[in-house]
Amino acid sequence: MKHKETGITKSGYYGFSWTTFFFGFFPALFRGDFITFIGGFVISIIIGILTWGIGYLFIGLIWAFMYNKYRAGLENLDSCISDKAALN
């Protein structure tokens, strides 16, 4: 990713998050995103209890598709993807 004003580039991931798929909300905890970890963990436990575990699988799959884009947005609010000019 490249900051629009300063030009500083930082590497990051885009697309499906395999670590989030396999480890749930724990990658957010290890990356210092405590609020996302606590919120996601509590919601997934509640839905898992209410649906006997089936709902947790759906939450994990959906969150694995969303997490990298969410994390990139948190870190670089004024940045864009610098892979190709068409993507910016």
C-alpha atoms as a PDB file:
ATOM      1  CA  MET A   1       0.000   0.000   0.000  1.00  0.00           C
ATOM      2  CA  LYS A   2       1.166   3.494  -0.721  1.00  0.00           C
ATOM      3  CA  HIS A   3       0.283   6.605   1.266  1.00  0.00           C
ATOM      4  CA  LYS A   4      -1.192   9.241  -1.032  1.00  0.00           C
ATOM      5  CA  GLU A   5       0.521  12.270   0.492  1.00  0.00           C
ATOM      6  CA  THR A   6       3.889  11.025   1.753  1.00  0.00           C
ATOM      7  CA  GLY A   7       4.542   8.233  -0.768  1.00  0.00           C
ATOM      8  CA  ILE A   8       5.550   5.763   1.964  1.00  0.00           C
ATOM      9  CA  THR A   9       4.880   2.170   0.946  1.00  0.00           C
ATOM     10  CA  LYS A  10       3.986  -0.669   3.282  1.00  0.00           C
ATOM     11  CA  SER A  11       3.388  -4.307   2.428  1.00  0.00           C
ATOM     12  CA  GLY A  12       0.066  -5.878   3.314  1.00  0.00           C
ATOM     13  CA  TYR A  13      -2.325  -8.578   2.251  1.00  0.00           C
ATOM     14  CA  TYR A  14      -5.492  -8.332   0.237  1.00  0.00           C
ATOM     15  CA  GLY A  15      -8.138 -10.996  -0.261  1.00  0.00           C
ATOM     16  CA  PHE A  16      -8.839 -14.158   1.715  1.00  0.00           C
ATOM     17  CA  SER A  17      -7.179 -14.434   5.147  1.00  0.00           C
ATOM     18  CA  TRP A  18      -6.063 -18.012   5.692  1.00  0.00           C
ATOM     19  CA  THR A  19      -4.793 -17.288   9.201  1.00  0.00           C
ATOM     20  CA  THR A  20      -8.204 -15.932  10.179  1.00  0.00           C
ATOM     21  CA  PHE A  21      -9.890 -18.915   8.532  1.00  0.00           C
ATOM     22  CA  PHE A  22      -7.856 -21.434  10.555  1.00  0.00           C
ATOM     23  CA  PHE A  23      -7.438 -19.533  13.837  1.00  0.00           C
ATOM     24  CA  GLY A  24     -10.624 -17.442  14.053  1.00  0.00           C
ATOM     25  CA  PHE A  25     -10.268 -14.076  15.734  1.00  0.00           C
ATOM     26  CA  PHE A  26      -6.855 -14.794  17.311  1.00  0.00           C
ATOM     27  CA  PRO A  27      -4.830 -13.147  14.486  1.00  0.00           C
ATOM     28  CA  ALA A  28      -6.537  -9.873  15.415  1.00  0.00           C
ATOM     29  CA  LEU A  29      -5.338 -10.351  19.000  1.00  0.00           C
ATOM     30  CA  PHE A  30      -1.762 -11.105  17.915  1.00  0.00           C
ATOM     31  CA  ARG A  31      -1.718  -8.044  15.634  1.00  0.00           C
ATOM     32  CA  GLY A  32      -2.778  -5.754  18.470  1.00  0.00           C
ATOM     33  CA  ASP A  33      -6.363  -5.228  17.349  1.00  0.00           C
ATOM     34  CA  PHE A  34      -7.889  -5.935  20.761  1.00  0.00           C
ATOM     35  CA  ILE A  35     -11.319  -4.399  20.188  1.00  0.00           C
ATOM     36  CA  THR A  36     -11.916  -6.479  17.052  1.00  0.00           C
ATOM     37  CA  PHE A  37     -10.758  -9.621  18.856  1.00  0.00           C
ATOM     38  CA  ILE A  38     -13.007  -9.081  21.884  1.00  0.00           C
ATOM     39  CA  GLY A  39     -16.051  -8.095  19.829  1.00  0.00           C
ATOM     40  CA  GLY A  40     -15.673 -10.894  17.311  1.00  0.00           C
ATOM     41  CA  PHE A  41     -14.872 -13.518  19.916  1.00  0.00           C
ATOM     42  CA  VAL A  42     -17.855 -12.637  22.110  1.00  0.00           C
ATOM     43  CA  ILE A  43     -20.272 -12.488  19.174  1.00  0.00           C
ATOM     44  CA  SER A  44     -19.002 -15.768  17.729  1.00  0.00           C
ATOM     45  CA  ILE A  45     -19.300 -17.527  21.108  1.00  0.00           C
ATOM     46  CA  ILE A  46     -22.865 -16.274  21.592  1.00  0.00           C
ATOM     47  CA  ILE A  47     -23.926 -17.283  18.076  1.00  0.00           C
ATOM     48  CA  GLY A  48     -22.082 -20.583  18.444  1.00  0.00           C
ATOM     49  CA  ILE A  49     -23.990 -21.380  21.621  1.00  0.00           C
ATOM     50  CA  LEU A  50     -27.330 -20.392  20.129  1.00  0.00           C
ATOM     51  CA  THR A  51     -26.797 -22.482  16.973  1.00  0.00           C
ATOM     52  CA  TRP A  52     -24.903 -25.402  18.560  1.00  0.00           C
ATOM     53  CA  GLY A  53     -21.667 -24.444  16.796  1.00  0.00           C
ATOM     54  CA  ILE A  54     -22.945 -24.214  13.226  1.00  0.00           C
ATOM     55  CA  GLY A  55     -23.197 -20.408  13.284  1.00  0.00           C
ATOM     56  CA  TYR A  56     -19.541 -20.108  14.299  1.00  0.00           C
ATOM     57  CA  LEU A  57     -18.473 -21.837  11.085  1.00  0.00           C
ATOM     58  CA  PHE A  58     -20.376 -19.310   8.986  1.00  0.00           C
ATOM     59  CA  ILE A  59     -18.996 -16.358  10.959  1.00  0.00           C
ATOM     60  CA  GLY A  60     -15.447 -17.695  10.580  1.00  0.00           C
ATOM     61  CA  LEU A  61     -15.806 -18.154   6.840  1.00  0.00           C
ATOM     62  CA  ILE A  62     -17.335 -14.723   6.268  1.00  0.00           C
ATOM     63  CA  TRP A  63     -14.773 -12.995   8.499  1.00  0.00           C
ATOM     64  CA  ALA A  64     -11.891 -14.721   6.662  1.00  0.00           C
ATOM     65  CA  PHE A  65     -13.039 -13.015   3.461  1.00  0.00           C
ATOM     66  CA  MET A  66     -13.386  -9.622   5.159  1.00  0.00           C
ATOM     67  CA  TYR A  67     -10.467  -9.375   7.617  1.00  0.00           C
ATOM     68  CA  ASN A  68      -7.547  -8.381   5.350  1.00  0.00           C
ATOM     69  CA  LYS A  69      -9.490  -5.552   3.770  1.00  0.00           C
ATOM     70  CA  TYR A  70     -10.715  -4.425   7.201  1.00  0.00           C
ATOM     71  CA  ARG A  71      -7.166  -4.500   8.610  1.00  0.00           C
ATOM     72  CA  ALA A  72      -5.740  -2.592   5.643  1.00  0.00           C
ATOM     73  CA  GLY A  73      -8.389   0.070   6.096  1.00  0.00           C
ATOM     74  CA  LEU A  74      -7.516   0.474   9.775  1.00  0.00           C
ATOM     75  CA  GLU A  75      -3.791   0.841   9.185  1.00  0.00           C
ATOM     76  CA  ASN A  76      -3.876   3.146   6.188  1.00  0.00           C
ATOM     77  CA  LEU A  77      -6.906   5.359   5.984  1.00  0.00           C
ATOM     78  CA  ASP A  78      -5.195   7.648   3.449  1.00  0.00           C
ATOM     79  CA  SER A  79      -3.503   4.904   1.424  1.00  0.00           C
ATOM     80  CA  CYS A  80      -4.263   3.002  -1.722  1.00  0.00           C
ATOM     81  CA  ILE A  81      -3.146  -0.280  -3.237  1.00  0.00           C
ATOM     82  CA  SER A  82      -0.002   0.353  -5.262  1.00  0.00           C
ATOM     83  CA  ASP A  83      -0.014  -2.879  -7.282  1.00  0.00           C
ATOM     84  CA  LYS A  84      -1.383  -1.430 -10.523  1.00  0.00           C
ATOM     85  CA  ALA A  85      -2.406   2.063 -11.509  1.00  0.00           C
ATOM     86  CA  ALA A  86      -5.859   0.774 -12.500  1.00  0.00           C
ATOM     87  CA  LEU A  87      -6.496  -0.412  -8.933  1.00  0.00           C
ATOM     88  CA  ASN A  88      -5.757   2.979  -7.436  1.00  0.00           C
END
